[in-house]
């Protein structure tokens, strides 16, 4: 995947995540916000796997995620009390990929159970998503699309959470190949996550006082 395509997917993921969180805070009964928001996680997951495959220093990548996971937990605590943020999820997922690469095939199961137990965003569903993308990354994209669709069907049947099924709306974006130059600071997504949550919470607080 080219840098331009990666940056474009990052923009789409950030925008749809923002829409999702606007809906969660201000319009919880209007489902279109949450449906659009389902696009974000698979795209961020795809970008994480791409970064893992192409990074020259996995430890530096882990450090960046770890630092921003800690920072992000402060506003996230007020957004979803009692749960841990998605950057922490991606830190754990990336760490699991590092050891999975060394043929420790039991890692995904252990990490999935751990994320569920600790109430980390996306839990086992998220771990399976990461490994679907990783296993089929250099193969036909149709295998990724089919596997992810089947995962969402099973998840919907098991949890009766129909909203999550709309994550499949992210799949067409994975087939894009952007030629136009798109420049983004590599830290933008890390910064955007805690900042936009903080701003939305402050606006909500201001409106409730008013």
C-alpha atoms as a PDB file:
ATOM      1  CA  UNK A   1       0.000   0.000   0.000  1.00  0.00           C
ATOM      2  CA  UNK A   2       1.371   3.403  -1.012  1.00  0.00           C
ATOM      3  CA  UNK A   3       1.970   6.210   1.469  1.00  0.00           C
ATOM      4  CA  UNK A   4      -0.712   8.289  -0.264  1.00  0.00           C
ATOM      5  CA  UNK A   5      -3.282   5.527   0.095  1.00  0.00           C
ATOM      6  CA  UNK A   6      -2.280   5.000   3.722  1.00  0.00           C
ATOM      7  CA  UNK A   7      -2.736   8.696   4.488  1.00  0.00           C
ATOM      8  CA  UNK A   8      -6.093   8.764   2.708  1.00  0.00           C
ATOM      9  CA  UNK A   9      -7.323   5.800   4.765  1.00  0.00           C
ATOM     10  CA  UNK A  10      -6.084   7.545   7.891  1.00  0.00           C
ATOM     11  CA  UNK A  11      -8.167  10.619   7.050  1.00  0.00           C
ATOM     12  CA  UNK A  12     -11.275   8.514   6.391  1.00  0.00           C
ATOM     13  CA  UNK A  13     -10.730   6.626   9.647  1.00  0.00           C
ATOM     14  CA  UNK A  14     -10.337   9.825  11.686  1.00  0.00           C
ATOM     15  CA  UNK A  15     -13.378  11.500  10.127  1.00  0.00           C
ATOM     16  CA  UNK A  16     -15.648   8.479  10.601  1.00  0.00           C
ATOM     17  CA  UNK A  17     -14.400   8.044  14.166  1.00  0.00           C
ATOM     18  CA  UNK A  18     -15.228  11.699  14.862  1.00  0.00           C
ATOM     19  CA  UNK A  19     -18.732  11.210  13.459  1.00  0.00           C
ATOM     20  CA  UNK A  20     -19.157   8.112  15.611  1.00  0.00           C
ATOM     21  CA  UNK A  21     -18.154   9.922  18.784  1.00  0.00           C
ATOM     22  CA  UNK A  22     -20.301  12.959  17.992  1.00  0.00           C
ATOM     23  CA  UNK A  23     -23.224  10.572  17.716  1.00  0.00           C
ATOM     24  CA  UNK A  24     -22.315   8.735  20.919  1.00  0.00           C
ATOM     25  CA  UNK A  25     -22.132  11.934  22.962  1.00  0.00           C
ATOM     26  CA  UNK A  26     -24.736  14.240  21.420  1.00  0.00           C
ATOM     27  CA  UNK A  27     -27.119  12.052  19.387  1.00  0.00           C
ATOM     28  CA  UNK A  28     -27.176   8.597  21.004  1.00  0.00           C
ATOM     29  CA  UNK A  29     -30.548   7.727  19.509  1.00  0.00           C
ATOM     30  CA  UNK A  30     -29.622   8.572  15.911  1.00  0.00           C
ATOM     31  CA  UNK A  31     -27.989   5.402  14.631  1.00  0.00           C
ATOM     32  CA  UNK A  32     -26.599   6.788  11.365  1.00  0.00           C
ATOM     33  CA  UNK A  33     -23.720   8.367  13.324  1.00  0.00           C
ATOM     34  CA  UNK A  34     -22.783   4.995  14.843  1.00  0.00           C
ATOM     35  CA  UNK A  35     -23.208   3.194  11.518  1.00  0.00           C
ATOM     36  CA  UNK A  36     -20.805   5.586   9.782  1.00  0.00           C
ATOM     37  CA  UNK A  37     -18.467   5.236  12.739  1.00  0.00           C
ATOM     38  CA  UNK A  38     -18.129   1.482  12.178  1.00  0.00           C
ATOM     39  CA  UNK A  39     -15.895   2.261   9.208  1.00  0.00           C
ATOM     40  CA  UNK A  40     -13.088   3.595  11.412  1.00  0.00           C
ATOM     41  CA  UNK A  41     -11.883   0.547  13.356  1.00  0.00           C
ATOM     42  CA  UNK A  42     -11.228  -1.797  10.388  1.00  0.00           C
ATOM     43  CA  UNK A  43      -9.303   0.968   8.604  1.00  0.00           C
ATOM     44  CA  UNK A  44      -7.172   1.707  11.672  1.00  0.00           C
ATOM     45  CA  UNK A  45      -6.604  -2.041  12.032  1.00  0.00           C
ATOM     46  CA  UNK A  46      -5.468  -2.286   8.420  1.00  0.00           C
ATOM     47  CA  UNK A  47      -3.094   0.633   8.962  1.00  0.00           C
ATOM     48  CA  UNK A  48      -1.703  -1.008  12.112  1.00  0.00           C
ATOM     49  CA  UNK A  49      -0.954  -4.242  10.254  1.00  0.00           C
ATOM     50  CA  UNK A  50       0.587  -2.286   7.373  1.00  0.00           C
ATOM     51  CA  UNK A  51       2.768  -0.419   9.838  1.00  0.00           C
ATOM     52  CA  UNK A  52       3.793  -3.655  11.533  1.00  0.00           C
ATOM     53  CA  UNK A  53       4.797  -5.249   8.245  1.00  0.00           C
ATOM     54  CA  UNK A  54       6.742  -2.266   6.931  1.00  0.00           C
ATOM     55  CA  UNK A  55       8.206  -0.642  10.046  1.00  0.00           C
ATOM     56  CA  UNK A  56      11.959  -0.773  10.497  1.00  0.00           C
ATOM     57  CA  UNK A  57      11.722  -0.602  14.286  1.00  0.00           C
ATOM     58  CA  UNK A  58       8.786  -2.369  15.912  1.00  0.00           C
ATOM     59  CA  UNK A  59       9.900  -1.299  19.387  1.00  0.00           C
ATOM     60  CA  UNK A  60       9.676   2.397  18.518  1.00  0.00           C
ATOM     61  CA  UNK A  61       6.203   1.762  17.113  1.00  0.00           C
ATOM     62  CA  UNK A  62       5.190   0.097  20.369  1.00  0.00           C
ATOM     63  CA  UNK A  63       6.583   2.962  22.445  1.00  0.00           C
ATOM     64  CA  UNK A  64       4.549   5.516  20.458  1.00  0.00           C
ATOM     65  CA  UNK A  65       1.372   3.525  20.909  1.00  0.00           C
ATOM     66  CA  UNK A  66       2.082   2.965  24.595  1.00  0.00           C
ATOM     67  CA  UNK A  67       2.638   6.655  25.314  1.00  0.00           C
ATOM     68  CA  UNK A  68      -0.511   7.773  23.529  1.00  0.00           C
ATOM     69  CA  UNK A  69      -2.534   4.943  25.084  1.00  0.00           C
ATOM     70  CA  UNK A  70      -1.671   6.321  28.520  1.00  0.00           C
ATOM     71  CA  UNK A  71      -2.425   9.911  27.492  1.00  0.00           C
ATOM     72  CA  UNK A  72      -5.699   8.929  25.834  1.00  0.00           C
ATOM     73  CA  UNK A  73      -6.975   7.005  28.826  1.00  0.00           C
ATOM     74  CA  UNK A  74      -7.504  10.248  30.747  1.00  0.00           C
ATOM     75  CA  UNK A  75     -10.260  11.665  28.497  1.00  0.00           C
ATOM     76  CA  UNK A  76     -11.483   8.186  27.594  1.00  0.00           C
ATOM     77  CA  UNK A  77     -12.229   7.485  31.257  1.00  0.00           C
ATOM     78  CA  UNK A  78     -14.843  10.242  31.151  1.00  0.00           C
ATOM     79  CA  UNK A  79     -16.128   9.097  27.752  1.00  0.00           C
ATOM     80  CA  UNK A  80     -16.598   5.386  28.550  1.00  0.00           C
ATOM     81  CA  UNK A  81     -16.042   4.817  32.296  1.00  0.00           C
ATOM     82  CA  UNK A  82     -14.701   1.418  33.261  1.00  0.00           C
ATOM     83  CA  UNK A  83     -13.181   0.566  29.869  1.00  0.00           C
ATOM     84  CA  UNK A  84      -9.784   1.053  28.232  1.00  0.00           C
ATOM     85  CA  UNK A  85      -9.214   2.983  25.016  1.00  0.00           C
ATOM     86  CA  UNK A  86      -8.616   1.657  21.525  1.00  0.00           C
ATOM     87  CA  UNK A  87      -4.996   2.841  21.344  1.00  0.00           C
ATOM     88  CA  UNK A  88      -4.226   0.520  24.240  1.00  0.00           C
ATOM     89  CA  UNK A  89      -5.974  -2.199  22.246  1.00  0.00           C
ATOM     90  CA  UNK A  90      -3.738  -1.483  19.256  1.00  0.00           C
ATOM     91  CA  UNK A  91      -0.650  -1.513  21.499  1.00  0.00           C
ATOM     92  CA  UNK A  92      -1.571  -4.988  22.767  1.00  0.00           C
ATOM     93  CA  UNK A  93      -2.478  -6.166  19.255  1.00  0.00           C
ATOM     94  CA  UNK A  94       0.829  -4.952  17.855  1.00  0.00           C
ATOM     95  CA  UNK A  95       2.738  -6.612  20.687  1.00  0.00           C
ATOM     96  CA  UNK A  96       0.894  -9.862  19.969  1.00  0.00           C
ATOM     97  CA  UNK A  97       1.813  -9.660  16.281  1.00  0.00           C
ATOM     98  CA  UNK A  98       5.454  -9.277  17.235  1.00  0.00           C
ATOM     99  CA  UNK A  99       5.392 -12.589  19.095  1.00  0.00           C
ATOM    100  CA  UNK A 100       3.009 -14.321  16.708  1.00  0.00           C
ATOM    101  CA  UNK A 101       5.616 -13.733  14.001  1.00  0.00           C
ATOM    102  CA  UNK A 102       7.892 -15.985  16.039  1.00  0.00           C
ATOM    103  CA  UNK A 103       5.444 -18.862  15.508  1.00  0.00           C
ATOM    104  CA  UNK A 104       3.760 -18.600  18.888  1.00  0.00           C
ATOM    105  CA  UNK A 105       0.345 -19.421  17.448  1.00  0.00           C
ATOM    106  CA  UNK A 106      -1.401 -19.467  20.826  1.00  0.00           C
ATOM    107  CA  UNK A 107      -0.811 -15.719  21.215  1.00  0.00           C
ATOM    108  CA  UNK A 108      -4.040 -14.491  19.496  1.00  0.00           C
ATOM    109  CA  UNK A 109      -6.252 -16.612  21.759  1.00  0.00           C
ATOM    110  CA  UNK A 110      -4.519 -15.479  24.950  1.00  0.00           C
ATOM    111  CA  UNK A 111      -4.547 -11.827  23.914  1.00  0.00           C
ATOM    112  CA  UNK A 112      -8.194 -11.998  22.856  1.00  0.00           C
ATOM    113  CA  UNK A 113      -9.217 -13.409  26.224  1.00  0.00           C
ATOM    114  CA  UNK A 114      -7.062 -10.805  28.004  1.00  0.00           C
ATOM    115  CA  UNK A 115      -8.647  -7.880  26.176  1.00  0.00           C
ATOM    116  CA  UNK A 116     -12.116  -9.198  26.992  1.00  0.00           C
ATOM    117  CA  UNK A 117     -11.255  -9.697  30.665  1.00  0.00           C
ATOM    118  CA  UNK A 118      -9.727  -6.228  31.024  1.00  0.00           C
ATOM    119  CA  UNK A 119     -12.629  -4.601  29.114  1.00  0.00           C
ATOM    120  CA  UNK A 120     -10.369  -3.125  26.461  1.00  0.00           C
ATOM    121  CA  UNK A 121     -12.155  -1.669  23.443  1.00  0.00           C
ATOM    122  CA  UNK A 122     -13.046  -4.234  20.726  1.00  0.00           C
ATOM    123  CA  UNK A 123     -11.710  -7.206  22.692  1.00  0.00           C
ATOM    124  CA  UNK A 124     -11.708 -10.611  21.002  1.00  0.00           C
ATOM    125  CA  UNK A 125     -13.591  -9.259  17.977  1.00  0.00           C
ATOM    126  CA  UNK A 126     -10.811  -6.737  17.427  1.00  0.00           C
ATOM    127  CA  UNK A 127      -8.026  -9.309  17.792  1.00  0.00           C
ATOM    128  CA  UNK A 128      -9.666 -11.599  15.231  1.00  0.00           C
ATOM    129  CA  UNK A 129      -9.995  -8.604  12.890  1.00  0.00           C
ATOM    130  CA  UNK A 130      -6.291  -7.814  13.238  1.00  0.00           C
ATOM    131  CA  UNK A 131      -5.267 -11.399  12.477  1.00  0.00           C
ATOM    132  CA  UNK A 132      -7.625 -11.720   9.507  1.00  0.00           C
ATOM    133  CA  UNK A 133      -5.958  -8.664   7.997  1.00  0.00           C
ATOM    134  CA  UNK A 134      -2.452  -9.885   8.865  1.00  0.00           C
ATOM    135  CA  UNK A 135      -2.842 -13.461   7.631  1.00  0.00           C
ATOM    136  CA  UNK A 136      -4.310 -12.424   4.276  1.00  0.00           C
ATOM    137  CA  UNK A 137      -2.362  -9.176   3.893  1.00  0.00           C
ATOM    138  CA  UNK A 138      -0.222 -10.228   0.936  1.00  0.00           C
ATOM    139  CA  UNK A 139      -2.894 -12.413  -0.632  1.00  0.00           C
ATOM    140  CA  UNK A 140      -6.044 -11.686  -2.627  1.00  0.00           C
ATOM    141  CA  UNK A 141      -7.932  -8.851  -0.898  1.00  0.00           C
ATOM    142  CA  UNK A 142     -11.126 -10.844  -1.497  1.00  0.00           C
ATOM    143  CA  UNK A 143      -9.998 -13.317   1.185  1.00  0.00           C
ATOM    144  CA  UNK A 144      -9.752 -10.484   3.703  1.00  0.00           C
ATOM    145  CA  UNK A 145     -13.131  -9.101   2.677  1.00  0.00           C
ATOM    146  CA  UNK A 146     -14.879 -12.478   2.848  1.00  0.00           C
ATOM    147  CA  UNK A 147     -13.302 -13.449   6.184  1.00  0.00           C
ATOM    148  CA  UNK A 148     -14.138 -10.091   7.745  1.00  0.00           C
ATOM    149  CA  UNK A 149     -17.724 -10.290   6.486  1.00  0.00           C
ATOM    150  CA  UNK A 150     -18.112 -13.762   7.988  1.00  0.00           C
ATOM    151  CA  UNK A 151     -16.664 -12.511  11.279  1.00  0.00           C
ATOM    152  CA  UNK A 152     -19.246  -9.733  11.414  1.00  0.00           C
ATOM    153  CA  UNK A 153     -22.090 -12.093  10.602  1.00  0.00           C
ATOM    154  CA  UNK A 154     -21.032 -14.428  13.434  1.00  0.00           C
ATOM    155  CA  UNK A 155     -20.473 -11.512  15.829  1.00  0.00           C
ATOM    156  CA  UNK A 156     -23.920 -10.097  15.025  1.00  0.00           C
ATOM    157  CA  UNK A 157     -25.609 -13.465  15.557  1.00  0.00           C
ATOM    158  CA  UNK A 158     -23.732 -14.043  18.821  1.00  0.00           C
ATOM    159  CA  UNK A 159     -24.236 -10.599  20.350  1.00  0.00           C
ATOM    160  CA  UNK A 160     -27.326  -9.276  18.523  1.00  0.00           C
ATOM    161  CA  UNK A 161     -25.285  -6.116  17.934  1.00  0.00           C
ATOM    162  CA  UNK A 162     -26.467  -5.207  14.447  1.00  0.00           C
ATOM    163  CA  UNK A 163     -24.577  -1.912  14.434  1.00  0.00           C
ATOM    164  CA  UNK A 164     -21.184  -3.624  14.353  1.00  0.00           C
ATOM    165  CA  UNK A 165     -22.165  -5.468  11.187  1.00  0.00           C
ATOM    166  CA  UNK A 166     -21.871  -2.169   9.316  1.00  0.00           C
ATOM    167  CA  UNK A 167     -18.111  -2.439   9.712  1.00  0.00           C
ATOM    168  CA  UNK A 168     -18.199  -4.137   6.326  1.00  0.00           C
ATOM    169  CA  UNK A 169     -18.757  -0.655   4.855  1.00  0.00           C
ATOM    170  CA  UNK A 170     -15.021  -0.183   5.355  1.00  0.00           C
ATOM    171  CA  UNK A 171     -14.098  -2.955   2.923  1.00  0.00           C
ATOM    172  CA  UNK A 172     -14.342  -1.013  -0.379  1.00  0.00           C
ATOM    173  CA  UNK A 173     -11.771   1.451   0.980  1.00  0.00           C
ATOM    174  CA  UNK A 174      -9.201  -1.353   1.196  1.00  0.00           C
ATOM    175  CA  UNK A 175      -9.224  -1.681  -2.593  1.00  0.00           C
ATOM    176  CA  UNK A 176      -8.312   1.958  -3.186  1.00  0.00           C
ATOM    177  CA  UNK A 177      -5.029   3.057  -4.697  1.00  0.00           C
ATOM    178  CA  UNK A 178      -4.545   6.806  -4.309  1.00  0.00           C
ATOM    179  CA  UNK A 179      -2.094   8.391  -6.734  1.00  0.00           C
ATOM    180  CA  UNK A 180      -2.463  12.012  -5.662  1.00  0.00           C
ATOM    181  CA  UNK A 181       0.059  13.105  -3.034  1.00  0.00           C
ATOM    182  CA  UNK A 182      -1.380  13.372   0.465  1.00  0.00           C
ATOM    183  CA  UNK A 183       0.918  14.579   3.237  1.00  0.00           C
ATOM    184  CA  UNK A 184       0.146  13.930   6.897  1.00  0.00           C
ATOM    185  CA  UNK A 185       2.236  14.172  10.011  1.00  0.00           C
ATOM    186  CA  UNK A 186       2.844  10.625  11.257  1.00  0.00           C
ATOM    187  CA  UNK A 187       1.638  11.600  14.739  1.00  0.00           C
ATOM    188  CA  UNK A 188      -1.648  13.145  13.613  1.00  0.00           C
ATOM    189  CA  UNK A 189      -3.846  10.114  14.346  1.00  0.00           C
ATOM    190  CA  UNK A 190      -2.234   9.621  17.768  1.00  0.00           C
ATOM    191  CA  UNK A 191      -2.863  13.253  18.701  1.00  0.00           C
ATOM    192  CA  UNK A 192      -6.307  13.406  17.135  1.00  0.00           C
ATOM    193  CA  UNK A 193      -7.689  10.608  19.295  1.00  0.00           C
ATOM    194  CA  UNK A 194      -7.349  12.114  22.790  1.00  0.00           C
ATOM    195  CA  UNK A 195      -7.783  15.702  21.563  1.00  0.00           C
ATOM    196  CA  UNK A 196     -11.090  15.198  19.768  1.00  0.00           C
ATOM    197  CA  UNK A 197     -12.533  13.209  22.682  1.00  0.00           C
ATOM    198  CA  UNK A 198     -11.473  15.947  25.104  1.00  0.00           C
ATOM    199  CA  UNK A 199     -13.009  18.682  22.942  1.00  0.00           C
ATOM    200  CA  UNK A 200     -16.300  16.817  22.517  1.00  0.00           C
ATOM    201  CA  UNK A 201     -16.526  16.172  26.264  1.00  0.00           C
ATOM    202  CA  UNK A 202     -15.825  19.831  27.026  1.00  0.00           C
ATOM    203  CA  UNK A 203     -18.528  20.936  24.572  1.00  0.00           C
ATOM    204  CA  UNK A 204     -20.963  18.485  26.140  1.00  0.00           C
ATOM    205  CA  UNK A 205     -20.082  19.796  29.590  1.00  0.00           C
ATOM    206  CA  UNK A 206     -20.518  23.401  28.462  1.00  0.00           C
ATOM    207  CA  UNK A 207     -23.922  22.646  26.918  1.00  0.00           C
ATOM    208  CA  UNK A 208     -25.112  20.822  30.045  1.00  0.00           C
ATOM    209  CA  UNK A 209     -24.156  23.778  32.223  1.00  0.00           C
ATOM    210  CA  UNK A 210     -25.819  26.228  29.846  1.00  0.00           C
END
